[in-house]
């Protein structure tokens, strides 16, 4: 596999996890402090921080420090498009499996 393909896989893995999806969804309205993120997604701060760091390392999030507070934002708006497309696929597949539409 090429390095570009490996990086593509890393980017997709970075968002393909339930806690990370909750974080990204919370950041849809823009930059937020870690102190706001972990209570909003109902996760432990240490677990949330680990996921934030992982996504920042893989280019999904940007990070900014202001005094003692650390702020994160989604670095590329295309991330939301990827998630929205995946959501559309899930909804369609649920409808197909429920017999509501033909697949």
PDB file of N, CA and C in Angstrom:
ATOM      1  N   UNK A   1       0.839  -1.191   0.000  1.00  0.00           N
ATOM      2  CA  UNK A   1       0.000   0.000   0.000  1.00  0.00           C
ATOM      3  C   UNK A   1       0.877   1.245   0.000  1.00  0.00           C
ATOM      4  N   UNK A   2       0.427   2.249  -0.701  1.00  0.00           N
ATOM      5  CA  UNK A   2       1.190   3.493  -0.747  1.00  0.00           C
ATOM      6  C   UNK A   2       1.028   4.259   0.555  1.00  0.00           C
ATOM      7  N   UNK A   3       1.925   5.206   0.780  1.00  0.00           N
ATOM      8  CA  UNK A   3       1.830   6.009   1.998  1.00  0.00           C
ATOM      9  C   UNK A   3       0.560   6.860   1.993  1.00  0.00           C
ATOM     10  N   UNK A   4       0.119   7.306   0.805  1.00  0.00           N
ATOM     11  CA  UNK A   4      -1.128   8.078   0.716  1.00  0.00           C
ATOM     12  C   UNK A   4      -2.318   7.210   1.137  1.00  0.00           C
ATOM     13  N   UNK A   5      -2.318   5.959   0.710  1.00  0.00           N
ATOM     14  CA  UNK A   5      -3.393   5.044   1.085  1.00  0.00           C
ATOM     15  C   UNK A   5      -3.366   4.771   2.584  1.00  0.00           C
ATOM     16  N   UNK A   6      -2.174   4.604   3.127  1.00  0.00           N
ATOM     17  CA  UNK A   6      -2.056   4.391   4.575  1.00  0.00           C
ATOM     18  C   UNK A   6      -2.571   5.596   5.345  1.00  0.00           C
ATOM     19  N   UNK A   7      -2.241   6.794   4.857  1.00  0.00           N
ATOM     20  CA  UNK A   7      -2.700   8.004   5.541  1.00  0.00           C
ATOM     21  C   UNK A   7      -4.218   8.136   5.438  1.00  0.00           C
ATOM     22  N   UNK A   8      -4.769   7.759   4.285  1.00  0.00           N
ATOM     23  CA  UNK A   8      -6.224   7.748   4.117  1.00  0.00           C
ATOM     24  C   UNK A   8      -6.861   6.837   5.158  1.00  0.00           C
ATOM     25  N   UNK A   9      -6.304   5.665   5.322  1.00  0.00           N
ATOM     26  CA  UNK A   9      -6.825   4.718   6.309  1.00  0.00           C
ATOM     27  C   UNK A   9      -6.722   5.293   7.717  1.00  0.00           C
ATOM     28  N   UNK A  10      -5.622   5.969   8.030  1.00  0.00           N
ATOM     29  CA  UNK A  10      -5.456   6.592   9.348  1.00  0.00           C
ATOM     30  C   UNK A  10      -6.511   7.665   9.593  1.00  0.00           C
ATOM     31  N   UNK A  11      -6.790   8.467   8.573  1.00  0.00           N
ATOM     32  CA  UNK A  11      -7.806   9.518   8.706  1.00  0.00           C
ATOM     33  C   UNK A  11      -9.171   8.887   8.986  1.00  0.00           C
ATOM     34  N   UNK A  12      -9.519   7.864   8.229  1.00  0.00           N
ATOM     35  CA  UNK A  12     -10.816   7.210   8.427  1.00  0.00           C
ATOM     36  C   UNK A  12     -10.895   6.523   9.790  1.00  0.00           C
ATOM     37  N   UNK A  13      -9.804   5.885  10.207  1.00  0.00           N
ATOM     38  CA  UNK A  13      -9.780   5.258  11.537  1.00  0.00           C
ATOM     39  C   UNK A  13      -9.942   6.305  12.634  1.00  0.00           C
ATOM     40  N   UNK A  14      -9.438   7.511  12.375  1.00  0.00           N
ATOM     41  CA  UNK A  14      -9.500   8.577  13.373  1.00  0.00           C
ATOM     42  C   UNK A  14     -10.916   9.026  13.679  1.00  0.00           C
ATOM     43  N   UNK A  15     -11.817   8.823  12.727  1.00  0.00           N
ATOM     44  CA  UNK A  15     -13.204   9.224  12.980  1.00  0.00           C
ATOM     45  C   UNK A  15     -14.133   8.024  13.167  1.00  0.00           C
ATOM     46  N   UNK A  16     -13.630   6.828  12.946  1.00  0.00           N
ATOM     47  CA  UNK A  16     -14.458   5.619  12.988  1.00  0.00           C
ATOM     48  C   UNK A  16     -14.496   5.012  14.383  1.00  0.00           C
ATOM     49  N   UNK A  17     -14.970   5.784  15.333  1.00  0.00           N
ATOM     50  CA  UNK A  17     -15.069   5.320  16.718  1.00  0.00           C
ATOM     51  C   UNK A  17     -16.162   6.146  17.379  1.00  0.00           C
ATOM     52  N   UNK A  18     -17.002   5.528  18.186  1.00  0.00           N
ATOM     53  CA  UNK A  18     -18.199   6.189  18.725  1.00  0.00           C
ATOM     54  C   UNK A  18     -17.887   7.458  19.525  1.00  0.00           C
ATOM     55  N   UNK A  19     -16.924   7.417  20.420  1.00  0.00           N
ATOM     56  CA  UNK A  19     -16.593   8.605  21.216  1.00  0.00           C
ATOM     57  C   UNK A  19     -16.081   9.714  20.314  1.00  0.00           C
ATOM     58  N   UNK A  20     -15.266   9.369  19.348  1.00  0.00           N
ATOM     59  CA  UNK A  20     -14.738  10.384  18.433  1.00  0.00           C
ATOM     60  C   UNK A  20     -15.852  11.006  17.594  1.00  0.00           C
ATOM     61  N   UNK A  21     -16.820  10.199  17.191  1.00  0.00           N
ATOM     62  CA  UNK A  21     -17.963  10.738  16.447  1.00  0.00           C
ATOM     63  C   UNK A  21     -18.767  11.711  17.318  1.00  0.00           C
ATOM     64  N   UNK A  22     -18.927  11.384  18.590  1.00  0.00           N
ATOM     65  CA  UNK A  22     -19.635  12.306  19.501  1.00  0.00           C
ATOM     66  C   UNK A  22     -18.872  13.621  19.637  1.00  0.00           C
ATOM     67  N   UNK A  23     -17.556  13.531  19.735  1.00  0.00           N
ATOM     68  CA  UNK A  23     -16.732  14.743  19.844  1.00  0.00           C
ATOM     69  C   UNK A  23     -16.886  15.596  18.595  1.00  0.00           C
ATOM     70  N   UNK A  24     -16.748  14.981  17.435  1.00  0.00           N
ATOM     71  CA  UNK A  24     -16.854  15.726  16.183  1.00  0.00           C
ATOM     72  C   UNK A  24     -18.229  16.373  16.059  1.00  0.00           C
ATOM     73  N   UNK A  25     -19.263  15.639  16.405  1.00  0.00           N
ATOM     74  CA  UNK A  25     -20.609  16.196  16.331  1.00  0.00           C
ATOM     75  C   UNK A  25     -20.742  17.408  17.256  1.00  0.00           C
ATOM     76  N   UNK A  26     -20.166  17.321  18.444  1.00  0.00           N
ATOM     77  CA  UNK A  26     -20.212  18.446  19.387  1.00  0.00           C
ATOM     78  C   UNK A  26     -19.465  19.665  18.844  1.00  0.00           C
ATOM     79  N   UNK A  27     -18.447  19.411  18.033  1.00  0.00           N
ATOM     80  CA  UNK A  27     -17.647  20.510  17.484  1.00  0.00           C
ATOM     81  C   UNK A  27     -18.228  21.087  16.181  1.00  0.00           C
ATOM     82  N   UNK A  28     -19.393  20.637  15.779  1.00  0.00           N
ATOM     83  CA  UNK A  28     -20.019  21.157  14.549  1.00  0.00           C
ATOM     84  C   UNK A  28     -20.241  22.668  14.614  1.00  0.00           C
ATOM     85  N   UNK A  29     -20.503  23.181  15.793  1.00  0.00           N
ATOM     86  CA  UNK A  29     -20.767  24.618  15.935  1.00  0.00           C
ATOM     87  C   UNK A  29     -19.498  25.438  16.129  1.00  0.00           C
ATOM     88  N   UNK A  30     -18.344  24.779  16.077  1.00  0.00           N
ATOM     89  CA  UNK A  30     -17.088  25.498  16.182  1.00  0.00           C
ATOM     90  C   UNK A  30     -16.242  25.054  17.361  1.00  0.00           C
ATOM     91  N   UNK A  31     -15.190  25.801  17.576  1.00  0.00           N
ATOM     92  CA  UNK A  31     -14.178  25.512  18.591  1.00  0.00           C
ATOM     93  C   UNK A  31     -14.803  25.439  19.985  1.00  0.00           C
ATOM     94  N   UNK A  32     -14.324  24.453  20.763  1.00  0.00           N
ATOM     95  CA  UNK A  32     -14.800  24.292  22.138  1.00  0.00           C
ATOM     96  C   UNK A  32     -13.631  23.905  23.037  1.00  0.00           C
ATOM     97  N   UNK A  33     -13.764  24.300  24.286  1.00  0.00           N
ATOM     98  CA  UNK A  33     -12.775  23.969  25.319  1.00  0.00           C
ATOM     99  C   UNK A  33     -12.970  22.510  25.748  1.00  0.00           C
ATOM    100  N   UNK A  34     -11.879  21.859  26.098  1.00  0.00           N
ATOM    101  CA  UNK A  34     -11.957  20.490  26.620  1.00  0.00           C
ATOM    102  C   UNK A  34     -12.912  20.449  27.804  1.00  0.00           C
ATOM    103  N   UNK A  35     -12.901  21.506  28.610  1.00  0.00           N
ATOM    104  CA  UNK A  35     -13.767  21.556  29.795  1.00  0.00           C
ATOM    105  C   UNK A  35     -15.248  21.528  29.418  1.00  0.00           C
ATOM    106  N   UNK A  36     -15.590  21.860  28.180  1.00  0.00           N
ATOM    107  CA  UNK A  36     -16.968  21.774  27.698  1.00  0.00           C
ATOM    108  C   UNK A  36     -17.237  20.447  27.007  1.00  0.00           C
ATOM    109  N   UNK A  37     -16.212  19.901  26.377  1.00  0.00           N
ATOM    110  CA  UNK A  37     -16.404  18.713  25.539  1.00  0.00           C
ATOM    111  C   UNK A  37     -16.736  17.479  26.368  1.00  0.00           C
ATOM    112  N   UNK A  38     -15.914  17.156  27.358  1.00  0.00           N
ATOM    113  CA  UNK A  38     -16.118  15.869  28.041  1.00  0.00           C
ATOM    114  C   UNK A  38     -17.457  15.788  28.775  1.00  0.00           C
ATOM    115  N   UNK A  39     -17.952  16.860  29.414  1.00  0.00           N
ATOM    116  CA  UNK A  39     -19.285  16.714  30.020  1.00  0.00           C
ATOM    117  C   UNK A  39     -20.397  16.610  28.959  1.00  0.00           C
ATOM    118  N   UNK A  40     -20.231  17.298  27.846  1.00  0.00           N
ATOM    119  CA  UNK A  40     -21.260  17.302  26.803  1.00  0.00           C
ATOM    120  C   UNK A  40     -21.429  15.932  26.153  1.00  0.00           C
ATOM    121  N   UNK A  41     -20.340  15.188  26.062  1.00  0.00           N
ATOM    122  CA  UNK A  41     -20.419  13.865  25.433  1.00  0.00           C
ATOM    123  C   UNK A  41     -20.538  12.751  26.472  1.00  0.00           C
ATOM    124  N   UNK A  42     -20.566  13.133  27.749  1.00  0.00           N
ATOM    125  CA  UNK A  42     -20.744  12.190  28.856  1.00  0.00           C
ATOM    126  C   UNK A  42     -19.657  11.117  28.892  1.00  0.00           C
ATOM    127  N   UNK A  43     -18.414  11.597  28.841  1.00  0.00           N
ATOM    128  CA  UNK A  43     -17.249  10.715  28.921  1.00  0.00           C
ATOM    129  C   UNK A  43     -16.290  11.258  29.979  1.00  0.00           C
ATOM    130  N   UNK A  44     -15.406  10.410  30.455  1.00  0.00           N
ATOM    131  CA  UNK A  44     -14.377  10.840  31.402  1.00  0.00           C
ATOM    132  C   UNK A  44     -13.406  11.783  30.716  1.00  0.00           C
ATOM    133  N   UNK A  45     -12.861  12.734  31.466  1.00  0.00           N
ATOM    134  CA  UNK A  45     -11.939  13.703  30.884  1.00  0.00           C
ATOM    135  C   UNK A  45     -10.699  13.018  30.308  1.00  0.00           C
ATOM    136  N   UNK A  46     -10.147  12.034  31.021  1.00  0.00           N
ATOM    137  CA  UNK A  46      -8.927  11.381  30.524  1.00  0.00           C
ATOM    138  C   UNK A  46      -9.194  10.641  29.217  1.00  0.00           C
ATOM    139  N   UNK A  47     -10.330   9.971  29.127  1.00  0.00           N
ATOM    140  CA  UNK A  47     -10.695   9.254  27.901  1.00  0.00           C
ATOM    141  C   UNK A  47     -10.920  10.245  26.758  1.00  0.00           C
ATOM    142  N   UNK A  48     -11.621  11.328  27.047  1.00  0.00           N
ATOM    143  CA  UNK A  48     -11.879  12.356  26.045  1.00  0.00           C
ATOM    144  C   UNK A  48     -10.573  12.962  25.553  1.00  0.00           C
ATOM    145  N   UNK A  49      -9.676  13.281  26.462  1.00  0.00           N
ATOM    146  CA  UNK A  49      -8.397  13.880  26.095  1.00  0.00           C
ATOM    147  C   UNK A  49      -7.581  12.950  25.204  1.00  0.00           C
ATOM    148  N   UNK A  50      -7.639  11.668  25.484  1.00  0.00           N
ATOM    149  CA  UNK A  50      -6.911  10.690  24.661  1.00  0.00           C
ATOM    150  C   UNK A  50      -7.466  10.680  23.227  1.00  0.00           C
ATOM    151  N   UNK A  51      -8.783  10.711  23.094  1.00  0.00           N
ATOM    152  CA  UNK A  51      -9.391  10.738  21.760  1.00  0.00           C
ATOM    153  C   UNK A  51      -9.105  12.056  21.038  1.00  0.00           C
ATOM    154  N   UNK A  52      -9.147  13.164  21.762  1.00  0.00           N
ATOM    155  CA  UNK A  52      -8.835  14.464  21.160  1.00  0.00           C
ATOM    156  C   UNK A  52      -7.402  14.471  20.630  1.00  0.00           C
ATOM    157  N   UNK A  53      -6.478  13.977  21.424  1.00  0.00           N
ATOM    158  CA  UNK A  53      -5.075  13.939  21.014  1.00  0.00           C
ATOM    159  C   UNK A  53      -4.887  13.040  19.788  1.00  0.00           C
ATOM    160  N   UNK A  54      -5.563  11.923  19.769  1.00  0.00           N
ATOM    161  CA  UNK A  54      -5.463  10.997  18.630  1.00  0.00           C
ATOM    162  C   UNK A  54      -5.936  11.683  17.351  1.00  0.00           C
ATOM    163  N   UNK A  55      -7.086  12.349  17.443  1.00  0.00           N
ATOM    164  CA  UNK A  55      -7.618  13.008  16.247  1.00  0.00           C
ATOM    165  C   UNK A  55      -6.767  14.198  15.823  1.00  0.00           C
ATOM    166  N   UNK A  56      -6.166  14.873  16.778  1.00  0.00           N
ATOM    167  CA  UNK A  56      -5.284  15.989  16.422  1.00  0.00           C
ATOM    168  C   UNK A  56      -4.028  15.456  15.728  1.00  0.00           C
ATOM    169  N   UNK A  57      -3.469  14.386  16.230  1.00  0.00           N
ATOM    170  CA  UNK A  57      -2.281  13.777  15.633  1.00  0.00           C
ATOM    171  C   UNK A  57      -2.527  13.363  14.182  1.00  0.00           C
ATOM    172  N   UNK A  58      -3.741  12.923  13.887  1.00  0.00           N
ATOM    173  CA  UNK A  58      -4.068  12.444  12.546  1.00  0.00           C
ATOM    174  C   UNK A  58      -4.711  13.511  11.662  1.00  0.00           C
ATOM    175  N   UNK A  59      -4.659  14.759  12.096  1.00  0.00           N
ATOM    176  CA  UNK A  59      -5.085  15.866  11.241  1.00  0.00           C
ATOM    177  C   UNK A  59      -6.572  16.145  11.200  1.00  0.00           C
ATOM    178  N   UNK A  60      -7.336  15.543  12.089  1.00  0.00           N
ATOM    179  CA  UNK A  60      -8.783  15.760  12.109  1.00  0.00           C
ATOM    180  C   UNK A  60      -9.126  17.043  12.882  1.00  0.00           C
ATOM    181  N   UNK A  61      -8.414  17.284  13.970  1.00  0.00           N
ATOM    182  CA  UNK A  61      -8.688  18.443  14.823  1.00  0.00           C
ATOM    183  C   UNK A  61      -7.498  19.394  14.873  1.00  0.00           C
ATOM    184  N   UNK A  62      -7.811  20.657  15.121  1.00  0.00           N
ATOM    185  CA  UNK A  62      -6.775  21.638  15.442  1.00  0.00           C
ATOM    186  C   UNK A  62      -6.882  21.919  16.933  1.00  0.00           C
ATOM    187  N   UNK A  63      -5.790  22.368  17.512  1.00  0.00           N
ATOM    188  CA  UNK A  63      -5.710  22.583  18.957  1.00  0.00           C
ATOM    189  C   UNK A  63      -5.123  23.960  19.211  1.00  0.00           C
ATOM    190  N   UNK A  64      -5.702  24.656  20.208  1.00  0.00           N
ATOM    191  CA  UNK A  64      -5.218  25.982  20.575  1.00  0.00           C
ATOM    192  C   UNK A  64      -5.259  26.105  22.086  1.00  0.00           C
ATOM    193  N   UNK A  65      -4.193  26.657  22.645  1.00  0.00           N
ATOM    194  CA  UNK A  65      -4.133  26.852  24.085  1.00  0.00           C
ATOM    195  C   UNK A  65      -4.314  28.333  24.389  1.00  0.00           C
ATOM    196  N   UNK A  66      -5.162  28.623  25.373  1.00  0.00           N
ATOM    197  CA  UNK A  66      -5.405  29.991  25.821  1.00  0.00           C
ATOM    198  C   UNK A  66      -5.327  29.982  27.340  1.00  0.00           C
ATOM    199  N   UNK A  67      -4.177  30.386  27.861  1.00  0.00           N
ATOM    200  CA  UNK A  67      -3.956  30.282  29.306  1.00  0.00           C
ATOM    201  C   UNK A  67      -3.899  28.819  29.695  1.00  0.00           C
ATOM    202  N   UNK A  68      -4.763  28.430  30.622  1.00  0.00           N
ATOM    203  CA  UNK A  68      -4.789  27.027  31.053  1.00  0.00           C
ATOM    204  C   UNK A  68      -5.798  26.202  30.261  1.00  0.00           C
ATOM    205  N   UNK A  69      -6.599  26.864  29.454  1.00  0.00           N
ATOM    206  CA  UNK A  69      -7.629  26.158  28.686  1.00  0.00           C
ATOM    207  C   UNK A  69      -7.102  25.723  27.319  1.00  0.00           C
ATOM    208  N   UNK A  70      -7.555  24.542  26.901  1.00  0.00           N
ATOM    209  CA  UNK A  70      -7.190  24.010  25.595  1.00  0.00           C
ATOM    210  C   UNK A  70      -8.476  23.890  24.773  1.00  0.00           C
ATOM    211  N   UNK A  71      -8.414  24.429  23.570  1.00  0.00           N
ATOM    212  CA  UNK A  71      -9.558  24.453  22.673  1.00  0.00           C
ATOM    213  C   UNK A  71      -9.288  23.573  21.456  1.00  0.00           C
ATOM    214  N   UNK A  72     -10.326  22.878  21.021  1.00  0.00           N
ATOM    215  CA  UNK A  72     -10.237  22.040  19.822  1.00  0.00           C
ATOM    216  C   UNK A  72     -11.307  22.457  18.830  1.00  0.00           C
ATOM    217  N   UNK A  73     -10.989  22.265  17.559  1.00  0.00           N
ATOM    218  CA  UNK A  73     -11.941  22.505  16.472  1.00  0.00           C
ATOM    219  C   UNK A  73     -11.666  21.492  15.377  1.00  0.00           C
ATOM    220  N   UNK A  74     -12.683  21.213  14.586  1.00  0.00           N
ATOM    221  CA  UNK A  74     -12.494  20.340  13.427  1.00  0.00           C
ATOM    222  C   UNK A  74     -11.680  21.128  12.406  1.00  0.00           C
ATOM    223  N   UNK A  75     -10.587  20.543  11.990  1.00  0.00           N
ATOM    224  CA  UNK A  75      -9.623  21.220  11.120  1.00  0.00           C
ATOM    225  C   UNK A  75     -10.108  21.348   9.676  1.00  0.00           C
ATOM    226  N   UNK A  76     -10.802  20.339   9.195  1.00  0.00           N
ATOM    227  CA  UNK A  76     -11.259  20.310   7.805  1.00  0.00           C
ATOM    228  C   UNK A  76     -12.776  20.088   7.790  1.00  0.00           C
ATOM    229  N   UNK A  77     -13.544  21.022   7.258  1.00  0.00           N
ATOM    230  CA  UNK A  77     -15.009  20.858   7.234  1.00  0.00           C
ATOM    231  C   UNK A  77     -15.466  19.627   6.456  1.00  0.00           C
ATOM    232  N   UNK A  78     -14.610  19.097   5.595  1.00  0.00           N
ATOM    233  CA  UNK A  78     -14.959  17.887   4.852  1.00  0.00           C
ATOM    234  C   UNK A  78     -15.220  16.692   5.773  1.00  0.00           C
ATOM    235  N   UNK A  79     -14.674  16.748   6.983  1.00  0.00           N
ATOM    236  CA  UNK A  79     -14.919  15.680   7.960  1.00  0.00           C
ATOM    237  C   UNK A  79     -16.415  15.546   8.211  1.00  0.00           C
ATOM    238  N   UNK A  80     -17.112  16.683   8.305  1.00  0.00           N
ATOM    239  CA  UNK A  80     -18.557  16.646   8.512  1.00  0.00           C
ATOM    240  C   UNK A  80     -19.266  16.006   7.322  1.00  0.00           C
ATOM    241  N   UNK A  81     -18.763  16.262   6.125  1.00  0.00           N
ATOM    242  CA  UNK A  81     -19.356  15.660   4.921  1.00  0.00           C
ATOM    243  C   UNK A  81     -19.201  14.141   4.951  1.00  0.00           C
ATOM    244  N   UNK A  82     -18.037  13.663   5.371  1.00  0.00           N
ATOM    245  CA  UNK A  82     -17.801  12.218   5.466  1.00  0.00           C
ATOM    246  C   UNK A  82     -18.790  11.604   6.445  1.00  0.00           C
ATOM    247  N   UNK A  83     -18.938  12.229   7.599  1.00  0.00           N
ATOM    248  CA  UNK A  83     -19.842  11.702   8.627  1.00  0.00           C
ATOM    249  C   UNK A  83     -21.287  11.771   8.149  1.00  0.00           C
ATOM    250  N   UNK A  84     -21.661  12.860   7.502  1.00  0.00           N
ATOM    251  CA  UNK A  84     -23.027  12.990   6.994  1.00  0.00           C
ATOM    252  C   UNK A  84     -23.328  11.930   5.936  1.00  0.00           C
ATOM    253  N   UNK A  85     -22.351  11.628   5.083  1.00  0.00           N
ATOM    254  CA  UNK A  85     -22.538  10.577   4.067  1.00  0.00           C
ATOM    255  C   UNK A  85     -22.693   9.210   4.736  1.00  0.00           C
ATOM    256  N   UNK A  86     -21.871   8.956   5.751  1.00  0.00           N
ATOM    257  CA  UNK A  86     -21.975   7.683   6.475  1.00  0.00           C
ATOM    258  C   UNK A  86     -23.337   7.569   7.154  1.00  0.00           C
ATOM    259  N   UNK A  87     -23.822   8.667   7.712  1.00  0.00           N
ATOM    260  CA  UNK A  87     -25.141   8.681   8.354  1.00  0.00           C
ATOM    261  C   UNK A  87     -26.227   8.372   7.326  1.00  0.00           C
ATOM    262  N   UNK A  88     -26.118   8.941   6.141  1.00  0.00           N
ATOM    263  CA  UNK A  88     -27.095   8.676   5.084  1.00  0.00           C
ATOM    264  C   UNK A  88     -27.088   7.199   4.688  1.00  0.00           C
ATOM    265  N   UNK A  89     -25.903   6.615   4.607  1.00  0.00           N
ATOM    266  CA  UNK A  89     -25.791   5.190   4.275  1.00  0.00           C
ATOM    267  C   UNK A  89     -26.457   4.348   5.356  1.00  0.00           C
ATOM    268  N   UNK A  90     -26.199   4.683   6.611  1.00  0.00           N
ATOM    269  CA  UNK A  90     -26.785   3.940   7.735  1.00  0.00           C
ATOM    270  C   UNK A  90     -28.313   4.030   7.694  1.00  0.00           C
ATOM    271  N   UNK A  91     -28.827   5.241   7.498  1.00  0.00           N
ATOM    272  CA  UNK A  91     -30.290   5.416   7.448  1.00  0.00           C
ATOM    273  C   UNK A  91     -30.907   4.606   6.313  1.00  0.00           C
ATOM    274  N   UNK A  92     -30.269   4.647   5.157  1.00  0.00           N
ATOM    275  CA  UNK A  92     -30.790   3.900   4.014  1.00  0.00           C
ATOM    276  C   UNK A  92     -30.739   2.396   4.293  1.00  0.00           C
ATOM    277  N   UNK A  93     -29.634   1.931   4.853  1.00  0.00           N
ATOM    278  CA  UNK A  93     -29.489   0.505   5.143  1.00  0.00           C
ATOM    279  C   UNK A  93     -30.506   0.046   6.183  1.00  0.00           C
ATOM    280  N   UNK A  94     -30.756   0.867   7.182  1.00  0.00           N
ATOM    281  CA  UNK A  94     -31.781   0.543   8.186  1.00  0.00           C
ATOM    282  C   UNK A  94     -33.147   0.432   7.514  1.00  0.00           C
ATOM    283  N   UNK A  95     -33.443   1.366   6.616  1.00  0.00           N
ATOM    284  CA  UNK A  95     -34.723   1.336   5.901  1.00  0.00           C
ATOM    285  C   UNK A  95     -34.835   0.085   5.027  1.00  0.00           C
ATOM    286  N   UNK A  96     -33.749  -0.281   4.343  1.00  0.00           N
ATOM    287  CA  UNK A  96     -33.748  -1.484   3.510  1.00  0.00           C
ATOM    288  C   UNK A  96     -33.977  -2.712   4.373  1.00  0.00           C
ATOM    289  N   UNK A  97     -33.255  -2.805   5.447  1.00  0.00           N
ATOM    290  CA  UNK A  97     -33.373  -3.993   6.324  1.00  0.00           C
ATOM    291  C   UNK A  97     -34.722  -4.055   7.006  1.00  0.00           C
ATOM    292  N   UNK A  98     -35.364  -2.923   7.194  1.00  0.00           N
ATOM    293  CA  UNK A  98     -36.686  -2.883   7.809  1.00  0.00           C
ATOM    294  C   UNK A  98     -37.788  -3.120   6.774  1.00  0.00           C
ATOM    295  N   UNK A  99     -37.404  -3.207   5.510  1.00  0.00           N
ATOM    296  CA  UNK A  99     -38.373  -3.428   4.453  1.00  0.00           C
ATOM    297  C   UNK A  99     -39.127  -2.179   4.038  1.00  0.00           C
ATOM    298  N   UNK A 100     -38.628  -1.003   4.456  1.00  0.00           N
ATOM    299  CA  UNK A 100     -39.318   0.237   4.133  1.00  0.00           C
ATOM    300  C   UNK A 100     -39.031   0.699   2.718  1.00  0.00           C
ATOM    301  N   UNK A 101     -37.843   0.350   2.203  1.00  0.00           N
ATOM    302  CA  UNK A 101     -37.495   0.690   0.823  1.00  0.00           C
ATOM    303  C   UNK A 101     -36.782  -0.508   0.202  1.00  0.00           C
ATOM    304  N   UNK A 102     -36.747  -0.535  -1.120  1.00  0.00           N
ATOM    305  CA  UNK A 102     -36.015  -1.595  -1.824  1.00  0.00           C
ATOM    306  C   UNK A 102     -34.554  -1.201  -1.905  1.00  0.00           C
ATOM    307  N   UNK A 103     -33.673  -2.170  -1.673  1.00  0.00           N
ATOM    308  CA  UNK A 103     -32.250  -1.897  -1.701  1.00  0.00           C
ATOM    309  C   UNK A 103     -31.677  -2.059  -3.038  1.00  0.00           C
TER     310      UNK A 103
END
